[in-house]
């Protein structure tokens, strides 16, 4: 799996909740093509979100993004329709990190640093528990 293949694997149609769209749209970016193995969202008015997907070939992709508390500071809540939200998800997919294995992804999480504005290593680092297991549904 590589970034170009990630874009091709997007099997996604935005689905607003009763409050509109949210950063959790990244969870569903690949439909049934990959399974979610870890997820993290800061519990605050604004913050970071990360989700790790595992692919049938054993590779792992990590998507991160930022969210806010209102349409004035959150691109997802400000989205005027599914096309806008799909563009936001595509941007996160373009900025994703892709690894050949879970071990490679975990090594990056433990040792990497933020190397771009568009990818949050802080969010990705929260995908692991202190003992190195994937954290599903983690919040802080």
Protein backbone atom coordinates (compact mmCIF):
# COMPACT_ATOMS: atom_id res chain seq x y z
CA UNK A 1 0.00 0.00 0.00
CA UNK A 2 1.23 3.51 -0.81
CA UNK A 3 -0.32 6.98 -0.84
CA UNK A 4 -1.50 6.75 -4.44
CA UNK A 5 -3.18 3.44 -3.63
CA UNK A 6 -4.80 5.02 -0.56
CA UNK A 7 -6.53 7.59 -2.74
CA UNK A 8 -7.69 4.88 -5.11
CA UNK A 9 -8.98 2.82 -2.16
CA UNK A 10 -11.24 5.59 -0.88
CA UNK A 11 -14.71 4.07 -0.73
CA UNK A 12 -16.45 6.91 0.97
CA UNK A 13 -19.67 8.87 0.94
CA UNK A 14 -20.05 11.47 3.71
CA UNK A 15 -22.91 10.92 6.13
CA UNK A 16 -23.84 13.86 8.35
CA UNK A 17 -25.02 13.22 11.89
CA UNK A 18 -27.76 15.30 13.45
CA UNK A 19 -25.07 17.90 14.22
CA UNK A 20 -23.55 17.91 10.74
CA UNK A 21 -20.19 16.51 9.76
CA UNK A 22 -17.29 15.75 12.09
CA UNK A 23 -13.66 14.72 11.97
CA UNK A 24 -14.75 11.11 12.61
CA UNK A 25 -15.49 10.95 8.88
CA UNK A 26 -11.84 9.84 8.60
CA UNK A 27 -12.82 6.58 10.32
CA UNK A 28 -14.93 5.63 7.30
CA UNK A 29 -12.58 6.90 4.58
CA UNK A 30 -11.92 3.47 3.09
CA UNK A 31 -15.29 1.79 3.62
CA UNK A 32 -14.79 -1.94 3.90
CA UNK A 33 -11.39 -1.91 2.18
CA UNK A 34 -9.49 -1.62 5.48
CA UNK A 35 -10.29 -2.16 9.15
CA UNK A 36 -9.88 0.40 11.94
CA UNK A 37 -7.31 -0.87 14.44
CA UNK A 38 -6.85 2.26 16.56
CA UNK A 39 -8.52 5.61 17.09
CA UNK A 40 -7.87 8.70 19.21
CA UNK A 41 -9.78 11.93 19.73
CA UNK A 42 -9.04 14.69 22.19
CA UNK A 43 -12.04 15.39 24.39
CA UNK A 44 -12.17 19.15 24.27
CA UNK A 45 -13.71 21.96 22.27
CA UNK A 46 -10.93 21.61 19.73
CA UNK A 47 -7.99 19.32 19.17
CA UNK A 48 -6.60 16.47 17.14
CA UNK A 49 -7.98 13.20 15.85
CA UNK A 50 -6.15 10.13 14.55
CA UNK A 51 -7.21 6.80 13.12
CA UNK A 52 -5.15 3.80 12.01
CA UNK A 53 -6.41 1.42 9.32
CA UNK A 54 -5.00 -2.03 8.65
CA UNK A 55 -5.03 -3.27 5.06
CA UNK A 56 -5.40 -6.85 3.81
CA UNK A 57 -1.71 -6.88 2.80
CA UNK A 58 -0.72 -6.14 6.43
CA UNK A 59 0.21 -2.51 5.83
CA UNK A 60 -1.05 0.25 8.11
CA UNK A 61 -2.13 3.80 7.28
CA UNK A 62 -2.54 6.60 9.80
CA UNK A 63 -4.74 9.62 9.16
CA UNK A 64 -4.82 12.70 11.40
CA UNK A 65 -6.71 15.96 11.36
CA UNK A 66 -7.78 18.83 13.57
CA UNK A 67 -11.25 19.80 14.73
CA UNK A 68 -12.93 22.74 16.41
CA UNK A 69 -16.06 23.36 18.41
CA UNK A 70 -18.08 25.33 15.90
CA UNK A 71 -18.40 26.02 12.20
CA UNK A 72 -16.17 29.07 12.65
CA UNK A 73 -13.19 26.97 13.69
CA UNK A 74 -13.92 23.47 12.37
CA UNK A 75 -13.75 22.78 8.66
CA UNK A 76 -15.93 19.68 9.04
CA UNK A 77 -18.74 21.56 10.79
CA UNK A 78 -18.44 24.43 8.32
CA UNK A 79 -18.74 22.10 5.32
CA UNK A 80 -21.62 23.08 3.09
CA UNK A 81 -22.14 19.58 1.74
CA UNK A 82 -20.74 16.15 1.09
CA UNK A 83 -18.37 17.42 -1.62
CA UNK A 84 -16.65 19.72 0.87
CA UNK A 85 -16.32 16.91 3.41
CA UNK A 86 -14.98 14.49 0.82
CA UNK A 87 -12.31 17.09 -0.06
CA UNK A 88 -11.31 17.33 3.63
CA UNK A 89 -11.02 13.55 3.90
CA UNK A 90 -9.02 13.39 0.65
CA UNK A 91 -6.61 16.01 2.05
CA UNK A 92 -6.04 13.86 5.15
CA UNK A 93 -5.51 10.78 2.97
CA UNK A 94 -2.92 12.71 0.93
CA UNK A 95 -1.12 13.60 4.18
CA UNK A 96 -1.38 10.10 5.65
CA UNK A 97 1.55 8.03 6.73
CA UNK A 98 1.72 4.52 5.28
CA UNK A 99 3.74 1.67 6.77
CA UNK A 100 4.47 -1.84 5.52
CA UNK A 101 3.59 -3.41 8.88
CA UNK A 102 2.16 -2.73 12.31
CA UNK A 103 5.67 -2.90 13.80
CA UNK A 104 6.93 -0.23 11.41
CA UNK A 105 3.95 2.01 12.27
CA UNK A 106 4.50 1.53 16.01
CA UNK A 107 8.21 2.34 15.65
CA UNK A 108 7.35 5.57 13.84
CA UNK A 109 4.81 6.48 16.52
CA UNK A 110 7.33 5.89 19.31
CA UNK A 111 10.23 7.71 17.65
CA UNK A 112 8.82 10.15 15.08
CA UNK A 113 8.18 13.83 15.39
CA UNK A 114 5.85 16.24 13.66
CA UNK A 115 7.39 16.77 10.26
CA UNK A 116 4.53 18.59 8.58
CA UNK A 117 1.71 20.90 9.55
CA UNK A 118 -0.80 18.58 7.93
CA UNK A 119 0.05 15.47 9.99
CA UNK A 120 -0.09 15.44 13.78
CA UNK A 121 2.45 13.12 15.37
CA UNK A 122 0.96 14.08 18.75
CA UNK A 123 -2.37 12.58 17.66
CA UNK A 124 -0.70 9.53 16.11
CA UNK A 125 1.32 8.91 19.28
CA UNK A 126 -1.94 8.62 21.19
CA UNK A 127 -2.98 5.62 19.07
CA UNK A 128 -0.81 3.39 21.28
CA UNK A 129 -1.35 2.42 24.90
CA UNK A 130 1.64 2.82 27.25
CA UNK A 131 2.43 -0.88 26.82
CA UNK A 132 2.52 -0.55 23.00
CA UNK A 133 -0.88 -1.96 22.02
CA UNK A 134 -3.26 -0.21 19.63
CA UNK A 135 -5.87 1.90 21.42
CA UNK A 136 -9.36 1.71 19.97
CA UNK A 137 -11.65 4.55 20.99
CA UNK A 138 -9.04 6.33 23.06
CA UNK A 139 -9.78 9.84 24.25
CA UNK A 140 -8.02 12.34 26.44
